[in-house]
Amino acid sequence: MDPKRIAFEERGSGRPLVLLHGLGDRRQSWTAVVDRLAADYRVVCVDLPGFGATPAPAPDEPYDVYSLTDDIHAFCELHGLDRPHLAGNSLGGSIALELGVRGLAASVTVFSPAGFSDDVAKLGMRAVGGLSRLATRVPMPVKERLADTAPARALARTALRGDPRSPTAKATRFSVRGLRKGSPFIRMVSRIAEYEFTARPIGCPVTIAWGDRDRTLLPSSAAHAHRRVPNARMVSLIGSGHIPMADDPVTAAEHIRWTCRAADLGSPRAAARNAAGRARRTESGT
């Protein structure tokens, strides 16, 4: 799709850091993390095609992890984001890893990325896809009322949040706006169920973090991720669910910052800065 149509917002200045949300989400999911990173980076939050304020590709156009990877690459080129740091959650994590494989990222930090589920978990995702398609036959007002019932809200908190009883989880609910025939969510959910990240080298620092209470993409998927991305720094996020940016934005931001710094300290420009700093300290006798 035309990268000019991709909605985004940015804050801060410095080395670019692009944040990619998950399936059915939007760029605002990163708000609490952005506040902690904008002092050091030019943070760019993107609405992936089909979500938030970005329109979906036409029905006859490709629409999967690989096409979205192409779209984000084109977006970065359009806005002069040369090899940015990348962070992504779920679907956004898969896109970030695919960009890393292409050599288009300075660093990659991902939270519960799709593409590492075992066969049993894939069956579960296929079932979710089937139920979602069935839900498209239910009138929207009925779906809205059902989503606001206490059992549905409890299920949403359990599926998406680390601690369903926490005050911040109280407002969590399933969005049913995407449960329409031909909607971006319906088009993408089956493709996510079939997508598998294949082992390929990623030549930049990578952190793969998984919430130990993730009930959407199970923490056991981290073992598959470690085998396919052996150079990754693996992290368990204690008490977090599928969206760590909501459950623990402080820790999520620090893991992003750690990976960015690992890349920046290893870059030739950063190495030159460090060498100059050491030389000045030597000359001053410190």
C-alpha atoms as a PDB file:
ATOM      1  CA  MET A   1       0.000   0.000   0.000  1.00  0.00           C
ATOM      2  CA  ASP A   2       0.981   3.642  -0.323  1.00  0.00           C
ATOM      3  CA  PRO A   3       3.151   4.368   2.757  1.00  0.00           C
ATOM      4  CA  LYS A   4       1.792   7.915   2.820  1.00  0.00           C
ATOM      5  CA  ARG A   5      -1.496   6.454   4.049  1.00  0.00           C
ATOM      6  CA  ILE A   6       0.060   4.911   7.171  1.00  0.00           C
ATOM      7  CA  ALA A   7      -0.990   6.921  10.230  1.00  0.00           C
ATOM      8  CA  PHE A   8       1.589   7.617  12.920  1.00  0.00           C
ATOM      9  CA  GLU A   9       2.665   9.987  15.644  1.00  0.00           C
ATOM     10  CA  GLU A  10       6.098  10.758  16.958  1.00  0.00           C
ATOM     11  CA  ARG A  11       7.755  12.286  19.989  1.00  0.00           C
ATOM     12  CA  GLY A  12      11.273  13.059  21.055  1.00  0.00           C
ATOM     13  CA  SER A  13      14.482  13.342  19.063  1.00  0.00           C
ATOM     14  CA  GLY A  14      17.563  11.288  18.394  1.00  0.00           C
ATOM     15  CA  ARG A  15      18.010   7.854  16.861  1.00  0.00           C
ATOM     16  CA  PRO A  16      14.649   6.638  15.467  1.00  0.00           C
ATOM     17  CA  LEU A  17      12.723   3.960  17.364  1.00  0.00           C
ATOM     18  CA  VAL A  18       9.640   2.533  15.634  1.00  0.00           C
ATOM     19  CA  LEU A  19       6.937   0.834  17.735  1.00  0.00           C
ATOM     20  CA  LEU A  20       4.586  -1.732  16.150  1.00  0.00           C
ATOM     21  CA  HIS A  21       1.379  -2.902  17.842  1.00  0.00           C
ATOM     22  CA  GLY A  22      -0.391  -6.268  17.787  1.00  0.00           C
ATOM     23  CA  LEU A  23      -3.339  -7.692  15.867  1.00  0.00           C
ATOM     24  CA  GLY A  24      -6.516  -5.670  16.390  1.00  0.00           C
ATOM     25  CA  ASP A  25      -4.689  -3.013  18.394  1.00  0.00           C
ATOM     26  CA  ARG A  26      -3.489   0.506  17.514  1.00  0.00           C
ATOM     27  CA  ARG A  27      -0.568   2.814  18.167  1.00  0.00           C
ATOM     28  CA  GLN A  28      -2.015   4.125  21.449  1.00  0.00           C
ATOM     29  CA  SER A  29      -1.136   0.790  23.083  1.00  0.00           C
ATOM     30  CA  TRP A  30       2.422   2.163  23.438  1.00  0.00           C
ATOM     31  CA  THR A  31       1.496   5.449  25.134  1.00  0.00           C
ATOM     32  CA  ALA A  32       2.878   4.599  28.587  1.00  0.00           C
ATOM     33  CA  VAL A  33       6.120   3.302  27.044  1.00  0.00           C
ATOM     34  CA  VAL A  34       6.616   6.339  24.806  1.00  0.00           C
ATOM     35  CA  ASP A  35       6.634   8.611  27.854  1.00  0.00           C
ATOM     36  CA  ARG A  36       9.690   6.744  29.127  1.00  0.00           C
ATOM     37  CA  LEU A  37      11.648   6.682  25.850  1.00  0.00           C
ATOM     38  CA  ALA A  38      11.013  10.019  24.155  1.00  0.00           C
ATOM     39  CA  ALA A  39      13.770  11.775  26.107  1.00  0.00           C
ATOM     40  CA  ASP A  40      16.398   9.651  24.350  1.00  0.00           C
ATOM     41  CA  TYR A  41      14.893   8.606  21.024  1.00  0.00           C
ATOM     42  CA  ARG A  42      12.748   9.838  18.166  1.00  0.00           C
ATOM     43  CA  VAL A  43       9.866   7.488  18.965  1.00  0.00           C
ATOM     44  CA  VAL A  44       7.511   6.739  16.070  1.00  0.00           C
ATOM     45  CA  CYS A  45       4.271   4.865  16.823  1.00  0.00           C
ATOM     46  CA  VAL A  46       2.588   3.392  13.762  1.00  0.00           C
ATOM     47  CA  ASP A  47      -0.957   2.238  13.060  1.00  0.00           C
ATOM     48  CA  LEU A  48      -0.447  -0.933  11.018  1.00  0.00           C
ATOM     49  CA  PRO A  49      -2.488  -1.178   7.798  1.00  0.00           C
ATOM     50  CA  GLY A  50      -6.082  -2.026   8.644  1.00  0.00           C
ATOM     51  CA  PHE A  51      -5.934  -0.804  12.241  1.00  0.00           C
ATOM     52  CA  GLY A  52      -6.283   2.498  14.036  1.00  0.00           C
ATOM     53  CA  ALA A  53      -6.363   5.318  11.499  1.00  0.00           C
ATOM     54  CA  THR A  54      -4.584   3.424   8.703  1.00  0.00           C
ATOM     55  CA  PRO A  55      -6.803   1.936   5.982  1.00  0.00           C
ATOM     56  CA  ALA A  56      -6.489  -1.720   5.033  1.00  0.00           C
ATOM     57  CA  PRO A  57      -5.135  -2.878   1.676  1.00  0.00           C
ATOM     58  CA  ALA A  58      -7.765  -3.558  -0.961  1.00  0.00           C
ATOM     59  CA  PRO A  59      -9.379  -7.023  -0.844  1.00  0.00           C
ATOM     60  CA  ASP A  60      -7.358  -8.156  -3.877  1.00  0.00           C
ATOM     61  CA  GLU A  61      -4.018  -6.967  -2.433  1.00  0.00           C
ATOM     62  CA  PRO A  62      -1.660  -9.103  -0.307  1.00  0.00           C
ATOM     63  CA  TYR A  63      -2.316  -8.860   3.413  1.00  0.00           C
ATOM     64  CA  ASP A  64      -0.132 -10.928   5.726  1.00  0.00           C
ATOM     65  CA  VAL A  65       2.999 -10.642   7.857  1.00  0.00           C
ATOM     66  CA  TYR A  66       5.246 -10.365   4.801  1.00  0.00           C
ATOM     67  CA  SER A  67       3.175  -7.673   3.065  1.00  0.00           C
ATOM     68  CA  LEU A  68       3.021  -5.683   6.304  1.00  0.00           C
ATOM     69  CA  THR A  69       6.796  -6.007   6.585  1.00  0.00           C
ATOM     70  CA  ASP A  70       7.056  -4.511   3.087  1.00  0.00           C
ATOM     71  CA  ASP A  71       4.680  -1.716   4.126  1.00  0.00           C
ATOM     72  CA  ILE A  72       6.683  -0.768   7.222  1.00  0.00           C
ATOM     73  CA  HIS A  73       9.914  -0.870   5.213  1.00  0.00           C
ATOM     74  CA  ALA A  74       8.386   1.540   2.690  1.00  0.00           C
ATOM     75  CA  PHE A  75       7.104   3.746   5.540  1.00  0.00           C
ATOM     76  CA  CYS A  76      10.593   3.963   7.058  1.00  0.00           C
ATOM     77  CA  GLU A  77      12.126   4.845   3.692  1.00  0.00           C
ATOM     78  CA  LEU A  78       9.501   7.534   3.096  1.00  0.00           C
ATOM     79  CA  HIS A  79      10.215   9.227   6.438  1.00  0.00           C
ATOM     80  CA  GLY A  80      13.993   8.848   6.341  1.00  0.00           C
ATOM     81  CA  LEU A  81      14.122   6.289   9.150  1.00  0.00           C
ATOM     82  CA  ASP A  82      17.357   4.568   8.183  1.00  0.00           C
ATOM     83  CA  ARG A  83      17.826   1.279  10.068  1.00  0.00           C
ATOM     84  CA  PRO A  84      15.725   2.343  13.062  1.00  0.00           C
ATOM     85  CA  HIS A  85      15.483   0.522  16.339  1.00  0.00           C
ATOM     86  CA  LEU A  86      12.324  -1.575  16.282  1.00  0.00           C
ATOM     87  CA  ALA A  87      10.015  -2.840  19.007  1.00  0.00           C
ATOM     88  CA  GLY A  88       6.855  -4.845  18.462  1.00  0.00           C
ATOM     89  CA  ASN A  89       4.151  -6.766  20.257  1.00  0.00           C
ATOM     90  CA  SER A  90       2.532  -9.952  18.881  1.00  0.00           C
ATOM     91  CA  LEU A  91       1.920  -9.291  15.150  1.00  0.00           C
ATOM     92  CA  GLY A  92       4.125  -6.209  15.402  1.00  0.00           C
ATOM     93  CA  GLY A  93       6.851  -8.357  16.930  1.00  0.00           C
ATOM     94  CA  SER A  94       6.802 -10.678  13.921  1.00  0.00           C
ATOM     95  CA  ILE A  95       7.122  -7.715  11.556  1.00  0.00           C
ATOM     96  CA  ALA A  96      10.055  -6.349  13.575  1.00  0.00           C
ATOM     97  CA  LEU A  97      11.848  -9.707  13.411  1.00  0.00           C
ATOM     98  CA  GLU A  98      11.254  -9.994   9.653  1.00  0.00           C
ATOM     99  CA  LEU A  99      12.727  -6.509   9.188  1.00  0.00           C
ATOM    100  CA  GLY A 100      15.672  -7.600  11.315  1.00  0.00           C
ATOM    101  CA  VAL A 101      16.224 -10.594   9.013  1.00  0.00           C
ATOM    102  CA  ARG A 102      16.340  -8.185   6.056  1.00  0.00           C
ATOM    103  CA  GLY A 103      19.060  -6.136   7.756  1.00  0.00           C
ATOM    104  CA  LEU A 104      16.783  -3.118   8.095  1.00  0.00           C
ATOM    105  CA  ALA A 105      16.906  -2.702  11.892  1.00  0.00           C
ATOM    106  CA  ALA A 106      19.533  -1.362  14.275  1.00  0.00           C
ATOM    107  CA  SER A 107      18.006  -3.485  17.046  1.00  0.00           C
ATOM    108  CA  VAL A 108      14.859  -5.523  17.610  1.00  0.00           C
ATOM    109  CA  THR A 109      12.895  -5.859  20.859  1.00  0.00           C
ATOM    110  CA  VAL A 110       9.768  -7.999  20.713  1.00  0.00           C
ATOM    111  CA  PHE A 111       7.093  -8.926  23.218  1.00  0.00           C
ATOM    112  CA  SER A 112       5.249 -12.240  22.639  1.00  0.00           C
ATOM    113  CA  PRO A 113       5.849 -12.266  18.869  1.00  0.00           C
ATOM    114  CA  ALA A 114       3.593 -14.401  16.683  1.00  0.00           C
ATOM    115  CA  GLY A 115       5.121 -17.222  14.667  1.00  0.00           C
ATOM    116  CA  PHE A 116       6.516 -19.492  17.384  1.00  0.00           C
ATOM    117  CA  SER A 117       3.471 -21.467  18.534  1.00  0.00           C
ATOM    118  CA  ASP A 118       3.466 -25.262  18.640  1.00  0.00           C
ATOM    119  CA  ASP A 119       0.855 -27.387  16.860  1.00  0.00           C
ATOM    120  CA  VAL A 120      -1.565 -27.390  19.797  1.00  0.00           C
ATOM    121  CA  ALA A 121      -1.441 -23.608  20.124  1.00  0.00           C
ATOM    122  CA  LYS A 122      -1.944 -23.251  16.373  1.00  0.00           C
ATOM    123  CA  LEU A 123      -5.113 -25.313  16.664  1.00  0.00           C
ATOM    124  CA  GLY A 124      -6.308 -22.890  19.302  1.00  0.00           C
ATOM    125  CA  MET A 125      -5.615 -19.916  17.047  1.00  0.00           C
ATOM    126  CA  ARG A 126      -7.423 -21.600  14.170  1.00  0.00           C
ATOM    127  CA  ALA A 127     -10.395 -22.091  16.492  1.00  0.00           C
ATOM    128  CA  VAL A 128     -10.325 -18.391  17.376  1.00  0.00           C
ATOM    129  CA  GLY A 129     -10.322 -17.611  13.660  1.00  0.00           C
ATOM    130  CA  GLY A 130     -13.312 -19.890  13.095  1.00  0.00           C
ATOM    131  CA  LEU A 131     -15.258 -18.374  15.972  1.00  0.00           C
ATOM    132  CA  SER A 132     -14.429 -14.884  14.726  1.00  0.00           C
ATOM    133  CA  ARG A 133     -15.828 -15.703  11.316  1.00  0.00           C
ATOM    134  CA  LEU A 134     -18.989 -17.060  12.903  1.00  0.00           C
ATOM    135  CA  ALA A 135     -19.280 -13.857  14.931  1.00  0.00           C
ATOM    136  CA  THR A 136     -19.464 -11.838  11.724  1.00  0.00           C
ATOM    137  CA  ARG A 137     -23.009 -13.213  11.285  1.00  0.00           C
ATOM    138  CA  VAL A 138     -24.180 -11.676  14.569  1.00  0.00           C
ATOM    139  CA  PRO A 139     -25.618  -8.135  14.336  1.00  0.00           C
ATOM    140  CA  MET A 140     -23.180  -5.507  15.600  1.00  0.00           C
ATOM    141  CA  PRO A 141     -25.498  -4.104  18.337  1.00  0.00           C
ATOM    142  CA  VAL A 142     -25.822  -7.619  19.777  1.00  0.00           C
ATOM    143  CA  LYS A 143     -22.045  -8.113  19.741  1.00  0.00           C
ATOM    144  CA  GLU A 144     -21.539  -4.759  21.470  1.00  0.00           C
ATOM    145  CA  ARG A 145     -23.964  -5.689  24.241  1.00  0.00           C
ATOM    146  CA  LEU A 146     -22.344  -9.108  24.681  1.00  0.00           C
ATOM    147  CA  ALA A 147     -18.846  -7.584  24.865  1.00  0.00           C
ATOM    148  CA  ASP A 148     -19.986  -5.369  27.734  1.00  0.00           C
ATOM    149  CA  THR A 149     -21.353  -8.205  29.851  1.00  0.00           C
ATOM    150  CA  ALA A 150     -19.470  -9.154  32.995  1.00  0.00           C
ATOM    151  CA  PRO A 151     -18.459 -12.647  31.731  1.00  0.00           C
ATOM    152  CA  ALA A 152     -17.119 -11.235  28.448  1.00  0.00           C
ATOM    153  CA  ARG A 153     -15.131  -8.531  30.231  1.00  0.00           C
ATOM    154  CA  ALA A 154     -13.725 -11.107  32.663  1.00  0.00           C
ATOM    155  CA  LEU A 155     -12.667 -13.284  29.732  1.00  0.00           C
ATOM    156  CA  ALA A 156     -10.980 -10.317  28.026  1.00  0.00           C
ATOM    157  CA  ARG A 157      -9.051  -9.436  31.191  1.00  0.00           C
ATOM    158  CA  THR A 158      -7.966 -13.059  31.615  1.00  0.00           C
ATOM    159  CA  ALA A 159      -6.879 -13.427  27.987  1.00  0.00           C
ATOM    160  CA  LEU A 160      -5.036 -10.129  27.632  1.00  0.00           C
ATOM    161  CA  ARG A 161      -3.783  -8.968  31.026  1.00  0.00           C
ATOM    162  CA  GLY A 162      -1.278 -10.454  33.434  1.00  0.00           C
ATOM    163  CA  ASP A 163      -3.357  -9.692  36.531  1.00  0.00           C
ATOM    164  CA  PRO A 164      -7.050  -9.606  35.582  1.00  0.00           C
ATOM    165  CA  ARG A 165      -7.889  -8.133  39.002  1.00  0.00           C
ATOM    166  CA  SER A 166      -5.589  -5.116  38.753  1.00  0.00           C
ATOM    167  CA  PRO A 167      -7.199  -1.647  38.612  1.00  0.00           C
ATOM    168  CA  THR A 168      -5.567  -0.939  35.244  1.00  0.00           C
ATOM    169  CA  ALA A 169      -7.178  -4.059  33.759  1.00  0.00           C
ATOM    170  CA  LYS A 170     -10.691  -3.005  34.736  1.00  0.00           C
ATOM    171  CA  ALA A 171     -11.452  -1.255  31.433  1.00  0.00           C
ATOM    172  CA  THR A 172     -10.200  -4.134  29.270  1.00  0.00           C
ATOM    173  CA  ARG A 173     -12.765  -5.512  26.852  1.00  0.00           C
ATOM    174  CA  PHE A 174     -12.764  -7.300  23.513  1.00  0.00           C
ATOM    175  CA  SER A 175     -13.214  -4.979  20.567  1.00  0.00           C
ATOM    176  CA  VAL A 176     -15.970  -6.303  18.333  1.00  0.00           C
ATOM    177  CA  ARG A 177     -15.690  -3.596  15.687  1.00  0.00           C
ATOM    178  CA  GLY A 178     -13.335  -5.838  13.745  1.00  0.00           C
ATOM    179  CA  LEU A 179     -15.771  -8.759  13.702  1.00  0.00           C
ATOM    180  CA  ARG A 180     -17.255  -7.848  10.340  1.00  0.00           C
ATOM    181  CA  LYS A 181     -17.105  -9.879   7.155  1.00  0.00           C
ATOM    182  CA  GLY A 182     -13.977  -8.952   5.219  1.00  0.00           C
ATOM    183  CA  SER A 183     -12.612  -6.749   8.019  1.00  0.00           C
ATOM    184  CA  PRO A 184      -8.836  -6.452   8.520  1.00  0.00           C
ATOM    185  CA  PHE A 185      -9.027  -8.547  11.686  1.00  0.00           C
ATOM    186  CA  ILE A 186     -10.930 -11.354   9.964  1.00  0.00           C
ATOM    187  CA  ARG A 187      -8.560 -11.246   6.989  1.00  0.00           C
ATOM    188  CA  MET A 188      -5.457 -11.341   9.161  1.00  0.00           C
ATOM    189  CA  VAL A 189      -6.331 -13.735  12.007  1.00  0.00           C
ATOM    190  CA  SER A 190      -6.207 -16.867   9.842  1.00  0.00           C
ATOM    191  CA  ARG A 191      -2.890 -15.794   8.339  1.00  0.00           C
ATOM    192  CA  ILE A 192      -1.419 -15.272  11.781  1.00  0.00           C
ATOM    193  CA  ALA A 193      -2.535 -18.774  12.758  1.00  0.00           C
ATOM    194  CA  GLU A 194      -0.566 -20.221   9.824  1.00  0.00           C
ATOM    195  CA  TYR A 195       2.459 -17.911  10.002  1.00  0.00           C
ATOM    196  CA  GLU A 196       5.690 -19.420  11.282  1.00  0.00           C
ATOM    197  CA  PHE A 197       8.934 -17.559  11.803  1.00  0.00           C
ATOM    198  CA  THR A 198      11.665 -19.629  10.168  1.00  0.00           C
ATOM    199  CA  ALA A 199      15.205 -19.636  11.544  1.00  0.00           C
ATOM    200  CA  ARG A 200      17.400 -17.099   9.727  1.00  0.00           C
ATOM    201  CA  PRO A 201      20.272 -14.906  10.909  1.00  0.00           C
ATOM    202  CA  ILE A 202      19.485 -11.491  12.386  1.00  0.00           C
ATOM    203  CA  GLY A 203      22.581  -9.331  12.405  1.00  0.00           C
ATOM    204  CA  CYS A 204      21.667  -6.905  15.170  1.00  0.00           C
ATOM    205  CA  PRO A 205      20.935  -7.120  18.921  1.00  0.00           C
ATOM    206  CA  VAL A 206      17.625  -8.885  19.584  1.00  0.00           C
ATOM    207  CA  THR A 207      15.585  -9.182  22.775  1.00  0.00           C
ATOM    208  CA  ILE A 208      12.617 -11.571  22.888  1.00  0.00           C
ATOM    209  CA  ALA A 209      10.465 -11.049  25.977  1.00  0.00           C
ATOM    210  CA  TRP A 210       7.478 -13.124  27.032  1.00  0.00           C
ATOM    211  CA  GLY A 211       4.980 -12.459  29.800  1.00  0.00           C
ATOM    212  CA  ASP A 212       4.848 -15.454  32.113  1.00  0.00           C
ATOM    213  CA  ARG A 213       1.048 -14.953  32.280  1.00  0.00           C
ATOM    214  CA  ASP A 214       0.491 -14.665  28.529  1.00  0.00           C
ATOM    215  CA  ARG A 215      -2.657 -16.681  27.837  1.00  0.00           C
ATOM    216  CA  THR A 216      -2.922 -15.652  24.175  1.00  0.00           C
ATOM    217  CA  LEU A 217       0.474 -16.768  22.851  1.00  0.00           C
ATOM    218  CA  LEU A 218       1.686 -19.140  25.549  1.00  0.00           C
ATOM    219  CA  PRO A 219       5.057 -18.595  27.278  1.00  0.00           C
ATOM    220  CA  SER A 220       6.147 -22.069  26.123  1.00  0.00           C
ATOM    221  CA  SER A 221       6.514 -20.480  22.669  1.00  0.00           C
ATOM    222  CA  ALA A 222       9.652 -18.767  23.986  1.00  0.00           C
ATOM    223  CA  ALA A 223      11.532 -22.076  23.769  1.00  0.00           C
ATOM    224  CA  HIS A 224      10.807 -22.253  20.033  1.00  0.00           C
ATOM    225  CA  ALA A 225      11.849 -18.617  19.665  1.00  0.00           C
ATOM    226  CA  HIS A 226      15.180 -19.301  21.381  1.00  0.00           C
ATOM    227  CA  ARG A 227      15.953 -22.160  19.011  1.00  0.00           C
ATOM    228  CA  ARG A 228      15.114 -20.133  15.896  1.00  0.00           C
ATOM    229  CA  VAL A 229      16.783 -16.888  17.020  1.00  0.00           C
ATOM    230  CA  PRO A 230      19.748 -18.242  19.005  1.00  0.00           C
ATOM    231  CA  ASN A 231      21.487 -14.863  19.285  1.00  0.00           C
ATOM    232  CA  ALA A 232      18.468 -13.326  21.029  1.00  0.00           C
ATOM    233  CA  ARG A 233      18.520 -12.232  24.640  1.00  0.00           C
ATOM    234  CA  MET A 234      15.572 -14.088  26.185  1.00  0.00           C
ATOM    235  CA  VAL A 235      13.559 -12.438  28.954  1.00  0.00           C
ATOM    236  CA  SER A 236      10.649 -13.627  31.100  1.00  0.00           C
ATOM    237  CA  LEU A 237       8.365 -10.793  32.177  1.00  0.00           C
ATOM    238  CA  ILE A 238       7.077 -11.768  35.598  1.00  0.00           C
ATOM    239  CA  GLY A 239       3.424 -10.929  36.112  1.00  0.00           C
ATOM    240  CA  SER A 240       2.801  -9.699  32.548  1.00  0.00           C
ATOM    241  CA  GLY A 241       0.287 -11.025  30.055  1.00  0.00           C
ATOM    242  CA  HIS A 242       0.096 -10.677  26.284  1.00  0.00           C
ATOM    243  CA  ILE A 243       0.425  -6.878  26.310  1.00  0.00           C
ATOM    244  CA  PRO A 244       3.359  -6.057  28.637  1.00  0.00           C
ATOM    245  CA  MET A 245       3.226  -2.372  27.659  1.00  0.00           C
ATOM    246  CA  ALA A 246      -0.058  -2.202  29.571  1.00  0.00           C
ATOM    247  CA  ASP A 247       0.847  -4.509  32.457  1.00  0.00           C
ATOM    248  CA  ASP A 248       4.344  -3.195  33.158  1.00  0.00           C
ATOM    249  CA  PRO A 249       5.347  -0.250  30.933  1.00  0.00           C
ATOM    250  CA  VAL A 250       8.402   0.568  33.068  1.00  0.00           C
ATOM    251  CA  THR A 251       9.964  -2.867  32.531  1.00  0.00           C
ATOM    252  CA  ALA A 252       8.927  -2.963  28.864  1.00  0.00           C
ATOM    253  CA  ALA A 253      10.590   0.406  28.271  1.00  0.00           C
ATOM    254  CA  GLU A 254      13.774  -0.669  30.027  1.00  0.00           C
ATOM    255  CA  HIS A 255      14.119  -3.791  27.886  1.00  0.00           C
ATOM    256  CA  ILE A 256      13.671  -1.690  24.751  1.00  0.00           C
ATOM    257  CA  ARG A 257      16.253   0.776  26.042  1.00  0.00           C
ATOM    258  CA  TRP A 258      18.696  -2.050  26.885  1.00  0.00           C
ATOM    259  CA  THR A 259      18.538  -3.478  23.351  1.00  0.00           C
ATOM    260  CA  CYS A 260      18.870  -0.052  21.752  1.00  0.00           C
ATOM    261  CA  ARG A 261      21.921   0.728  23.857  1.00  0.00           C
ATOM    262  CA  ALA A 262      23.502  -2.620  23.035  1.00  0.00           C
ATOM    263  CA  ALA A 263      23.216  -1.728  19.360  1.00  0.00           C
ATOM    264  CA  ASP A 264      24.352   1.877  19.748  1.00  0.00           C
ATOM    265  CA  LEU A 265      27.399   0.950  21.833  1.00  0.00           C
ATOM    266  CA  GLY A 266      28.414  -1.582  19.186  1.00  0.00           C
ATOM    267  CA  SER A 267      28.040   0.772  16.212  1.00  0.00           C
ATOM    268  CA  PRO A 268      31.116   2.429  14.662  1.00  0.00           C
ATOM    269  CA  ARG A 269      29.748   5.907  15.445  1.00  0.00           C
ATOM    270  CA  ALA A 270      29.140   5.003  19.087  1.00  0.00           C
ATOM    271  CA  ALA A 271      32.545   3.359  19.323  1.00  0.00           C
ATOM    272  CA  ALA A 272      34.162   6.551  18.016  1.00  0.00           C
ATOM    273  CA  ARG A 273      32.274   8.634  20.581  1.00  0.00           C
ATOM    274  CA  ASN A 274      33.364   6.309  23.387  1.00  0.00           C
ATOM    275  CA  ALA A 275      36.988   6.388  22.218  1.00  0.00           C
ATOM    276  CA  ALA A 276      36.930  10.191  22.124  1.00  0.00           C
ATOM    277  CA  GLY A 277      35.473  10.277  25.608  1.00  0.00           C
ATOM    278  CA  ARG A 278      38.192   7.968  26.925  1.00  0.00           C
ATOM    279  CA  ALA A 279      40.854  10.132  25.269  1.00  0.00           C
ATOM    280  CA  ARG A 280      39.508  13.287  26.908  1.00  0.00           C
ATOM    281  CA  ARG A 281      39.452  11.592  30.307  1.00  0.00           C
ATOM    282  CA  THR A 282      43.060  10.447  29.816  1.00  0.00           C
ATOM    283  CA  GLU A 283      44.203  13.954  28.849  1.00  0.00           C
ATOM    284  CA  SER A 284      42.495  15.433  31.909  1.00  0.00           C
ATOM    285  CA  GLY A 285      44.082  12.830  34.163  1.00  0.00           C
ATOM    286  CA  THR A 286      40.765  11.313  35.311  1.00  0.00           C
END
